C-alpha atoms as a PDB file:
ATOM      1  CA  MET A   1      55.092 -12.437  -4.790  1.00  0.00           C
ATOM      2  CA  GLU A   2      56.121  -8.773  -4.883  1.00  0.00           C
ATOM      3  CA  LYS A   3      58.922  -7.983  -2.447  1.00  0.00           C
ATOM      4  CA  ILE A   4      57.621  -6.212   0.638  1.00  0.00           C
ATOM      5  CA  THR A   5      59.460  -3.013   1.574  1.00  0.00           C
ATOM      6  CA  ASN A   6      60.745  -1.582   4.839  1.00  0.00           C
ATOM      7  CA  HIS A   7      58.084   1.116   4.584  1.00  0.00           C
ATOM      8  CA  GLU A   8      55.268  -1.416   4.228  1.00  0.00           C
ATOM      9  CA  VAL A   9      56.446  -3.318   7.309  1.00  0.00           C
ATOM     10  CA  ALA A  10      56.766  -0.077   9.303  1.00  0.00           C
ATOM     11  CA  SER A  11      53.354   1.103   8.123  1.00  0.00           C
ATOM     12  CA  THR A  12      51.767  -2.220   9.120  1.00  0.00           C
ATOM     13  CA  PHE A  13      53.270  -2.037  12.600  1.00  0.00           C
ATOM     14  CA  ALA A  14      52.134   1.591  13.018  1.00  0.00           C
ATOM     15  CA  THR A  15      48.584   0.622  12.009  1.00  0.00           C
ATOM     16  CA  ILE A  16      48.648  -2.325  14.411  1.00  0.00           C
ATOM     17  CA  ALA A  17      49.593   0.109  17.188  1.00  0.00           C
ATOM     18  CA  ASP A  18      46.550   2.226  16.258  1.00  0.00           C
ATOM     19  CA  MET A  19      44.306  -0.826  16.321  1.00  0.00           C
ATOM     20  CA  LEU A  20      45.636  -1.983  19.676  1.00  0.00           C
ATOM     21  CA  GLU A  21      45.064   1.479  21.120  1.00  0.00           C
ATOM     22  CA  ILE A  22      41.502   1.480  19.781  1.00  0.00           C
ATOM     23  CA  LYS A  23      41.016  -1.872  21.517  1.00  0.00           C
ATOM     24  CA  GLY A  24      42.407  -0.479  24.763  1.00  0.00           C
ATOM     25  CA  GLU A  25      45.383  -2.824  24.935  1.00  0.00           C
ATOM     26  CA  SER A  26      48.311  -2.195  27.299  1.00  0.00           C
ATOM     27  CA  VAL A  27      50.461   0.852  26.692  1.00  0.00           C
ATOM     28  CA  HIS A  28      53.564  -1.350  26.734  1.00  0.00           C
ATOM     29  CA  ARG A  29      52.310  -3.447  23.830  1.00  0.00           C
ATOM     30  CA  ILE A  30      51.215  -0.397  21.825  1.00  0.00           C
ATOM     31  CA  LEU A  31      54.569   1.321  22.306  1.00  0.00           C
ATOM     32  CA  ALA A  32      56.400  -1.847  21.286  1.00  0.00           C
ATOM     33  CA  TYR A  33      54.804  -1.696  17.840  1.00  0.00           C
ATOM     34  CA  ARG A  34      55.313   2.061  17.530  1.00  0.00           C
ATOM     35  CA  ARG A  35      58.998   1.769  18.429  1.00  0.00           C
ATOM     36  CA  ALA A  36      59.432  -1.097  16.000  1.00  0.00           C
ATOM     37  CA  ALA A  37      57.766   0.965  13.262  1.00  0.00           C
ATOM     38  CA  GLU A  38      60.145   3.844  13.987  1.00  0.00           C
ATOM     39  CA  THR A  39      63.203   1.592  13.939  1.00  0.00           C
ATOM     40  CA  ILE A  40      62.254   0.062  10.604  1.00  0.00           C
ATOM     41  CA  SER A  41      61.246   3.376   9.012  1.00  0.00           C
ATOM     42  CA  VAL A  42      64.735   4.838   9.533  1.00  0.00           C
ATOM     43  CA  LEU A  43      66.684   1.638   8.882  1.00  0.00           C
ATOM     44  CA  PRO A  44      69.287   2.355   6.162  1.00  0.00           C
ATOM     45  CA  ARG A  45      69.403  -1.296   5.089  1.00  0.00           C
ATOM     46  CA  ASP A  46      66.918  -3.607   3.388  1.00  0.00           C
ATOM     47  CA  LEU A  47      65.092  -5.678   6.014  1.00  0.00           C
ATOM     48  CA  HIS A  48      65.401  -8.706   3.750  1.00  0.00           C
ATOM     49  CA  ALA A  49      69.187  -8.559   4.092  1.00  0.00           C
ATOM     50  CA  VAL A  50      68.985  -8.238   7.878  1.00  0.00           C
ATOM     51  CA  TYR A  51      66.589 -11.191   7.989  1.00  0.00           C
ATOM     52  CA  LYS A  52      68.868 -13.380   5.856  1.00  0.00           C
ATOM     53  CA  GLU A  53      71.724 -12.606   8.232  1.00  0.00           C
ATOM     54  CA  GLY A  54      69.569 -13.695  11.176  1.00  0.00           C
ATOM     55  CA  LYS A  55      70.016 -10.306  12.844  1.00  0.00           C
ATOM     56  CA  LEU A  56      66.468  -8.956  13.146  1.00  0.00           C
ATOM     57  CA  THR A  57      66.673  -9.074  16.944  1.00  0.00           C
ATOM     58  CA  ASP A  58      69.817  -6.937  16.806  1.00  0.00           C
ATOM     59  CA  LEU A  59      67.647  -4.009  15.704  1.00  0.00           C
ATOM     60  CA  PRO A  60      66.565  -1.576  18.473  1.00  0.00           C
ATOM     61  CA  GLY A  61      63.170  -2.472  19.904  1.00  0.00           C
ATOM     62  CA  ILE A  62      62.867  -5.746  17.947  1.00  0.00           C
ATOM     63  CA  GLY A  63      62.504  -8.782  20.197  1.00  0.00           C
ATOM     64  CA  SER A  64      61.848 -12.365  19.203  1.00  0.00           C
ATOM     65  CA  THR A  65      58.056 -11.914  18.891  1.00  0.00           C
ATOM     66  CA  LEU A  66      58.262  -8.919  16.577  1.00  0.00           C
ATOM     67  CA  ALA A  67      61.122 -10.538  14.661  1.00  0.00           C
ATOM     68  CA  GLU A  68      58.855 -13.494  13.929  1.00  0.00           C
ATOM     69  CA  LYS A  69      56.167 -11.148  12.613  1.00  0.00           C
ATOM     70  CA  ILE A  70      58.670  -9.330  10.415  1.00  0.00           C
ATOM     71  CA  ALA A  71      59.905 -12.656   9.070  1.00  0.00           C
ATOM     72  CA  GLU A  72      56.324 -13.684   8.249  1.00  0.00           C
ATOM     73  CA  MET A  73      55.761 -10.475   6.271  1.00  0.00           C
ATOM     74  CA  LEU A  74      59.058 -10.764   4.434  1.00  0.00           C
ATOM     75  CA  THR A  75      58.490 -14.391   3.448  1.00  0.00           C
ATOM     76  CA  THR A  76      54.723 -14.414   2.803  1.00  0.00           C
ATOM     77  CA  GLY A  77      53.879 -10.784   2.030  1.00  0.00           C
ATOM     78  CA  LYS A  78      51.236 -10.707   4.765  1.00  0.00           C
ATOM     79  CA  LEU A  79      50.801 -10.863   8.534  1.00  0.00           C
ATOM     80  CA  THR A  80      48.169 -13.131  10.094  1.00  0.00           C
ATOM     81  CA  PHE A  81      47.962 -11.047  13.272  1.00  0.00           C
ATOM     82  CA  PHE A  82      47.254  -7.890  11.261  1.00  0.00           C
ATOM     83  CA  GLU A  83      44.565  -9.695   9.237  1.00  0.00           C
ATOM     84  CA  GLN A  84      42.917 -10.909  12.456  1.00  0.00           C
ATOM     85  CA  LEU A  85      42.860  -7.384  13.873  1.00  0.00           C
ATOM     86  CA  SER A  86      41.426  -6.090  10.583  1.00  0.00           C
ATOM     87  CA  GLU A  87      38.538  -8.555  10.891  1.00  0.00           C
ATOM     88  CA  GLU A  88      37.914  -7.514  14.487  1.00  0.00           C
ATOM     89  CA  ILE A  89      38.102  -3.754  13.987  1.00  0.00           C
ATOM     90  CA  PRO A  90      36.179  -2.268  11.034  1.00  0.00           C
ATOM     91  CA  PRO A  91      38.538  -0.483   8.595  1.00  0.00           C
ATOM     92  CA  GLY A  92      36.369   2.619   8.844  1.00  0.00           C
ATOM     93  CA  VAL A  93      37.108   2.913  12.563  1.00  0.00           C
ATOM     94  CA  VAL A  94      40.835   3.096  11.841  1.00  0.00           C
ATOM     95  CA  GLU A  95      40.112   5.594   9.051  1.00  0.00           C
ATOM     96  CA  MET A  96      38.520   7.895  11.652  1.00  0.00           C
ATOM     97  CA  LEU A  97      42.030   8.564  12.945  1.00  0.00           C
ATOM     98  CA  ARG A  98      42.717  10.485   9.737  1.00  0.00           C
ATOM     99  CA  VAL A  99      40.079  13.037  10.725  1.00  0.00           C
ATOM    100  CA  SER A 100      41.421  16.056  12.559  1.00  0.00           C
ATOM    101  CA  GLY A 101      40.545  15.934  16.259  1.00  0.00           C
ATOM    102  CA  ILE A 102      40.010  12.165  16.472  1.00  0.00           C
ATOM    103  CA  GLY A 103      42.484   9.950  18.271  1.00  0.00           C
ATOM    104  CA  PRO A 104      42.271   6.227  19.093  1.00  0.00           C
ATOM    105  CA  LYS A 105      40.268   6.783  22.282  1.00  0.00           C
ATOM    106  CA  LYS A 106      37.608   8.881  20.554  1.00  0.00           C
ATOM    107  CA  ALA A 107      37.415   6.478  17.626  1.00  0.00           C
ATOM    108  CA  ALA A 108      36.900   3.610  20.074  1.00  0.00           C
ATOM    109  CA  ARG A 109      34.209   5.574  21.903  1.00  0.00           C
ATOM    110  CA  PHE A 110      32.305   6.350  18.689  1.00  0.00           C
ATOM    111  CA  TRP A 111      32.501   2.686  17.704  1.00  0.00           C
ATOM    112  CA  ASN A 112      31.713   1.069  21.059  1.00  0.00           C
ATOM    113  CA  GLU A 113      29.163   3.534  22.401  1.00  0.00           C
ATOM    114  CA  LEU A 114      27.412   4.676  19.224  1.00  0.00           C
ATOM    115  CA  GLY A 115      28.085   1.771  16.869  1.00  0.00           C
ATOM    116  CA  ILE A 116      29.759   4.041  14.299  1.00  0.00           C
ATOM    117  CA  ILE A 117      31.964   2.038  11.927  1.00  0.00           C
ATOM    118  CA  ASP A 118      32.837   4.450   9.121  1.00  0.00           C
ATOM    119  CA  LEU A 119      33.164   8.118   8.215  1.00  0.00           C
ATOM    120  CA  ASP A 120      29.734   8.296   6.605  1.00  0.00           C
ATOM    121  CA  GLN A 121      28.060   7.156   9.825  1.00  0.00           C
ATOM    122  CA  LEU A 122      30.272   9.519  11.817  1.00  0.00           C
ATOM    123  CA  LYS A 123      29.210  12.448   9.642  1.00  0.00           C
ATOM    124  CA  LYS A 124      25.519  11.626  10.067  1.00  0.00           C
ATOM    125  CA  ALA A 125      25.931  11.280  13.828  1.00  0.00           C
ATOM    126  CA  ALA A 126      27.676  14.666  14.021  1.00  0.00           C
ATOM    127  CA  GLN A 127      24.963  16.290  11.909  1.00  0.00           C
ATOM    128  CA  ALA A 128      22.341  14.836  14.258  1.00  0.00           C
ATOM    129  CA  GLY A 129      24.156  16.143  17.339  1.00  0.00           C
ATOM    130  CA  LYS A 130      24.850  12.661  18.717  1.00  0.00           C
ATOM    131  CA  LEU A 131      28.548  13.161  19.473  1.00  0.00           C
ATOM    132  CA  ARG A 132      28.452  16.169  21.768  1.00  0.00           C
ATOM    133  CA  ASP A 133      27.126  14.351  24.831  1.00  0.00           C
ATOM    134  CA  LEU A 134      29.914  11.777  24.933  1.00  0.00           C
ATOM    135  CA  PRO A 135      32.670  12.185  27.568  1.00  0.00           C
ATOM    136  CA  GLY A 136      35.402  14.487  26.331  1.00  0.00           C
ATOM    137  CA  MET A 137      33.219  15.918  23.589  1.00  0.00           C
ATOM    138  CA  GLY A 138      30.922  18.928  23.262  1.00  0.00           C
ATOM    139  CA  ALA A 139      29.221  20.983  20.596  1.00  0.00           C
ATOM    140  CA  LYS A 140      32.464  22.674  19.576  1.00  0.00           C
ATOM    141  CA  SER A 141      34.370  19.391  19.185  1.00  0.00           C
ATOM    142  CA  GLU A 142      31.454  17.900  17.267  1.00  0.00           C
ATOM    143  CA  ALA A 143      31.366  20.861  14.862  1.00  0.00           C
ATOM    144  CA  ALA A 144      35.136  20.631  14.314  1.00  0.00           C
ATOM    145  CA  ILE A 145      34.916  16.931  13.455  1.00  0.00           C
ATOM    146  CA  LEU A 146      32.054  17.540  11.033  1.00  0.00           C
ATOM    147  CA  GLU A 147      33.971  20.358   9.379  1.00  0.00           C
ATOM    148  CA  SER A 148      37.038  18.158   8.998  1.00  0.00           C
ATOM    149  CA  ILE A 149      34.995  15.336   7.439  1.00  0.00           C
ATOM    150  CA  GLU A 150      33.331  17.721   4.999  1.00  0.00           C
ATOM    151  CA  ALA A 151      36.691  19.229   4.083  1.00  0.00           C
ATOM    152  CA  ARG A 152      38.030  15.773   3.257  1.00  0.00           C
ATOM    153  CA  SER A 153      35.032  15.055   1.019  1.00  0.00           C
ATOM    154  CA  ARG A 154      35.467  18.331  -0.872  1.00  0.00           C
ATOM    155  CA  HIS A 155      38.896  17.327  -2.038  1.00  0.00           C
ATOM    156  CA  SER A 156      38.339  13.610  -2.490  1.00  0.00           C
ATOM    157  CA  ASN A 157      39.803  13.907  -5.978  1.00  0.00           C
ATOM    158  CA  ARG A 158      43.491  13.100  -5.969  1.00  0.00           C
ATOM    159  CA  TRP A 159      46.161  15.501  -7.142  1.00  0.00           C
ATOM    160  CA  SER A 160      49.055  14.696  -9.433  1.00  0.00           C
ATOM    161  CA  ILE A 161      52.473  14.874  -7.845  1.00  0.00           C
ATOM    162  CA  GLY A 162      53.425  17.485 -10.431  1.00  0.00           C
ATOM    163  CA  ASP A 163      50.696  19.814  -9.157  1.00  0.00           C
ATOM    164  CA  ALA A 164      51.173  19.063  -5.463  1.00  0.00           C
ATOM    165  CA  TYR A 165      54.976  19.254  -5.427  1.00  0.00           C
ATOM    166  CA  PRO A 166      55.392  23.027  -5.950  1.00  0.00           C
ATOM    167  CA  ILE A 167      52.651  23.742  -3.408  1.00  0.00           C
ATOM    168  CA  ALA A 168      54.327  21.571  -0.773  1.00  0.00           C
ATOM    169  CA  GLN A 169      57.701  23.063  -1.616  1.00  0.00           C
ATOM    170  CA  ARG A 170      56.521  26.637  -1.144  1.00  0.00           C
ATOM    171  CA  LEU A 171      54.808  25.913   2.170  1.00  0.00           C
ATOM    172  CA  LEU A 172      57.663  23.831   3.567  1.00  0.00           C
ATOM    173  CA  GLU A 173      60.296  26.387   2.605  1.00  0.00           C
ATOM    174  CA  GLN A 174      58.303  29.120   4.344  1.00  0.00           C
ATOM    175  CA  LEU A 175      58.148  27.024   7.507  1.00  0.00           C
ATOM    176  CA  LEU A 176      61.846  26.105   7.389  1.00  0.00           C
ATOM    177  CA  ASN A 177      62.718  29.822   7.462  1.00  0.00           C
ATOM    178  CA  ILE A 178      60.930  30.387  10.787  1.00  0.00           C
ATOM    179  CA  ASP A 179      63.159  30.850  13.833  1.00  0.00           C
ATOM    180  CA  GLY A 180      63.183  27.765  16.005  1.00  0.00           C
ATOM    181  CA  VAL A 181      62.576  25.271  13.189  1.00  0.00           C
ATOM    182  CA  LEU A 182      65.271  22.584  13.277  1.00  0.00           C
ATOM    183  CA  HIS A 183      64.232  20.578  10.233  1.00  0.00           C
ATOM    184  CA  GLY A 184      61.162  19.512   8.319  1.00  0.00           C
ATOM    185  CA  ASP A 185      59.886  16.911   5.903  1.00  0.00           C
ATOM    186  CA  VAL A 186      56.888  15.869   3.869  1.00  0.00           C
ATOM    187  CA  ALA A 187      55.071  12.665   4.830  1.00  0.00           C
ATOM    188  CA  GLY A 188      52.465  10.496   3.180  1.00  0.00           C
ATOM    189  CA  SER A 189      52.048   9.824  -0.528  1.00  0.00           C
ATOM    190  CA  LEU A 190      54.110  12.810  -1.647  1.00  0.00           C
ATOM    191  CA  ARG A 191      57.116  11.672   0.368  1.00  0.00           C
ATOM    192  CA  ARG A 192      56.745   8.208  -1.154  1.00  0.00           C
ATOM    193  CA  TYR A 193      56.724   9.793  -4.648  1.00  0.00           C
ATOM    194  CA  ARG A 194      53.311   8.390  -5.513  1.00  0.00           C
ATOM    195  CA  ALA A 195      51.862   9.534  -8.836  1.00  0.00           C
ATOM    196  CA  THR A 196      48.844  11.079  -7.094  1.00  0.00           C
ATOM    197  CA  ILE A 197      48.168  12.338  -3.574  1.00  0.00           C
ATOM    198  CA  GLY A 198      45.048  13.064  -1.563  1.00  0.00           C
ATOM    199  CA  ASP A 199      46.481  15.809   0.650  1.00  0.00           C
ATOM    200  CA  ILE A 200      49.791  17.148   1.919  1.00  0.00           C
ATOM    201  CA  ASP A 201      51.332  16.289   5.285  1.00  0.00           C
ATOM    202  CA  LEU A 202      54.105  18.537   6.584  1.00  0.00           C
ATOM    203  CA  LEU A 203      56.233  17.557   9.580  1.00  0.00           C
ATOM    204  CA  ILE A 204      58.385  20.004  11.548  1.00  0.00           C
ATOM    205  CA  ALA A 205      60.825  19.423  14.401  1.00  0.00           C
ATOM    206  CA  SER A 206      60.970  22.277  16.890  1.00  0.00           C
ATOM    207  CA  HIS A 207      60.770  23.141  20.577  1.00  0.00           C
ATOM    208  CA  GLN A 208      58.714  26.255  19.734  1.00  0.00           C
ATOM    209  CA  PRO A 209      55.514  25.170  17.932  1.00  0.00           C
ATOM    210  CA  GLU A 210      53.320  28.223  18.563  1.00  0.00           C
ATOM    211  CA  PRO A 211      54.939  30.721  16.126  1.00  0.00           C
ATOM    212  CA  ILE A 212      55.121  27.950  13.514  1.00  0.00           C
ATOM    213  CA  MET A 213      51.413  27.199  13.811  1.00  0.00           C
ATOM    214  CA  LYS A 214      50.588  30.899  13.616  1.00  0.00           C
ATOM    215  CA  ALA A 215      52.665  31.416  10.470  1.00  0.00           C
ATOM    216  CA  PHE A 216      51.166  28.301   8.885  1.00  0.00           C
ATOM    217  CA  ALA A 217      47.596  29.488   9.472  1.00  0.00           C
ATOM    218  CA  GLN A 218      48.430  32.922   8.065  1.00  0.00           C
ATOM    219  CA  ALA A 219      50.165  31.714   4.892  1.00  0.00           C
ATOM    220  CA  SER A 220      48.945  33.507   1.769  1.00  0.00           C
ATOM    221  CA  GLU A 221      47.789  30.271   0.138  1.00  0.00           C
ATOM    222  CA  VAL A 222      45.488  29.366   3.055  1.00  0.00           C
ATOM    223  CA  ALA A 223      41.784  29.881   2.398  1.00  0.00           C
ATOM    224  CA  ARG A 224      40.631  28.803   5.847  1.00  0.00           C
ATOM    225  CA  VAL A 225      41.826  27.046   8.947  1.00  0.00           C
ATOM    226  CA  LEU A 226      40.093  23.715   9.563  1.00  0.00           C
ATOM    227  CA  ALA A 227      41.701  23.023  12.927  1.00  0.00           C
ATOM    228  CA  GLN A 228      44.476  24.646  14.913  1.00  0.00           C
ATOM    229  CA  GLY A 229      46.191  23.331  18.013  1.00  0.00           C
ATOM    230  CA  THR A 230      49.533  23.629  19.738  1.00  0.00           C
ATOM    231  CA  THR A 231      51.204  20.829  17.761  1.00  0.00           C
ATOM    232  CA  LYS A 232      48.777  20.015  14.933  1.00  0.00           C
ATOM    233  CA  SER A 233      46.874  22.169  12.459  1.00  0.00           C
ATOM    234  CA  SER A 234      44.916  21.597   9.255  1.00  0.00           C
ATOM    235  CA  VAL A 235      44.144  24.165   6.587  1.00  0.00           C
ATOM    236  CA  GLU A 236      42.358  24.270   3.267  1.00  0.00           C
ATOM    237  CA  LEU A 237      44.168  26.132   0.509  1.00  0.00           C
ATOM    238  CA  HIS A 238      42.504  28.301  -2.084  1.00  0.00           C
ATOM    239  CA  SER A 239      43.005  25.429  -4.487  1.00  0.00           C
ATOM    240  CA  GLY A 240      40.857  23.187  -2.259  1.00  0.00           C
ATOM    241  CA  LEU A 241      43.813  21.040  -1.228  1.00  0.00           C
ATOM    242  CA  GLN A 242      44.084  20.192   2.464  1.00  0.00           C
ATOM    243  CA  VAL A 243      47.436  20.528   4.210  1.00  0.00           C
ATOM    244  CA  ASP A 244      48.130  19.092   7.670  1.00  0.00           C
ATOM    245  CA  LEU A 245      51.038  20.322   9.779  1.00  0.00           C
ATOM    246  CA  ARG A 246      52.409  18.576  12.841  1.00  0.00           C
ATOM    247  CA  VAL A 247      55.169  19.913  15.076  1.00  0.00           C
ATOM    248  CA  LEU A 248      56.952  17.805  17.672  1.00  0.00           C
ATOM    249  CA  PRO A 249      60.201  18.021  19.641  1.00  0.00           C
ATOM    250  CA  PRO A 250      63.169  16.500  17.785  1.00  0.00           C
ATOM    251  CA  GLU A 251      63.276  13.481  20.094  1.00  0.00           C
ATOM    252  CA  ARG A 252      59.776  12.446  18.976  1.00  0.00           C
ATOM    253  CA  TYR A 253      60.202  13.326  15.311  1.00  0.00           C
ATOM    254  CA  GLY A 254      61.164   9.851  14.130  1.00  0.00           C
ATOM    255  CA  THR A 255      58.089   8.316  15.762  1.00  0.00           C
ATOM    256  CA  LEU A 256      55.859  10.774  13.936  1.00  0.00           C
ATOM    257  CA  LEU A 257      57.481   9.931  10.604  1.00  0.00           C
ATOM    258  CA  ALA A 258      56.831   6.233  11.213  1.00  0.00           C
ATOM    259  CA  TYR A 259      53.254   6.813  12.359  1.00  0.00           C
ATOM    260  CA  PHE A 260      52.294   8.663   9.213  1.00  0.00           C
ATOM    261  CA  GLY A 261      53.779   6.102   6.879  1.00  0.00           C
ATOM    262  CA  SER A 262      56.817   8.020   5.757  1.00  0.00           C
ATOM    263  CA  THR A 263      59.953   6.575   4.286  1.00  0.00           C
ATOM    264  CA  GLN A 264      63.305   7.012   5.979  1.00  0.00           C
ATOM    265  CA  ASN A 265      64.416  10.398   7.286  1.00  0.00           C
ATOM    266  CA  CYS A 266      66.467  12.503   4.913  1.00  0.00           C
ATOM    267  CA  GLY A 267      69.142  13.326   7.469  1.00  0.00           C
ATOM    268  CA  GLY A 268      68.018  16.855   8.276  1.00  0.00           C
ATOM    269  CA  LYS A 269      67.327  17.718   4.642  1.00  0.00           C
ATOM    270  CA  SER A 270      63.712  18.087   3.620  1.00  0.00           C
ATOM    271  CA  ALA A 271      62.102  15.299   1.625  1.00  0.00           C
ATOM    272  CA  ILE A 272      61.068  17.909  -0.932  1.00  0.00           C
ATOM    273  CA  ALA A 273      64.719  18.764  -1.523  1.00  0.00           C
ATOM    274  CA  ALA A 274      65.590  15.083  -1.832  1.00  0.00           C
ATOM    275  CA  PHE A 275      62.777  14.582  -4.305  1.00  0.00           C
ATOM    276  CA  HIS A 276      63.959  17.564  -6.362  1.00  0.00           C
ATOM    277  CA  GLU A 277      67.442  16.066  -6.603  1.00  0.00           C
ATOM    278  CA  ASP A 278      65.996  12.792  -7.883  1.00  0.00           C
ATOM    279  CA  LEU A 279      64.203  14.456 -10.801  1.00  0.00           C
END
């Protein structure tokens, strides 16, 4: 059995939190998994070593129940609870959360009220105007979701890390030079040094998101803005590559890193810089 990593455990817990939120479980239970994912994602030690020392419950936010689940993953490479949730909630419903403008509550509404279980069905429903009449929706929200889905399909081909790296570096360095930016990193496949990536995720810590979002949307490499909000924006570059930017206050930054499946924080230094040093 291949040794499971800290990142894989953190990613599993973050996904479980998404699934529980889609199900409408208690906020306390959802936050427990999110906090555990954050703790593990920034842990400087191998979880296997902590487990062998019998000190999993010494970690912040890890009680006996979550410690048992971590132990199961470390010893078996899987988690029964996660597998049960995966059978209950269609994978495509969780995948909806990767579409700009869709959170757990909307994904649950599309699934429970319209029977939508994947992105293809969601696209067809949006094209048919079936989303706009749901609570919290409207024609504008429906159009934005459809545009985001279509943008994802246009760049379904994966990019090599060699091609994506300089693009991410240029964009991140531009953002890091903006007044009010405290630090920033790259999340997702690029941060994990995968050979290929589907898109680029940029994370910024700041108390002043508005000028950052404006500068991001106006970057010279941006062909069009797919979605723009106060803390989250998505753009399509001239190359066809999608880039998502999220800005949160520093105190919530670690949670965001865990949620998007990142590896441990680079201590205020960008992940791009860390990657460059490893070359």
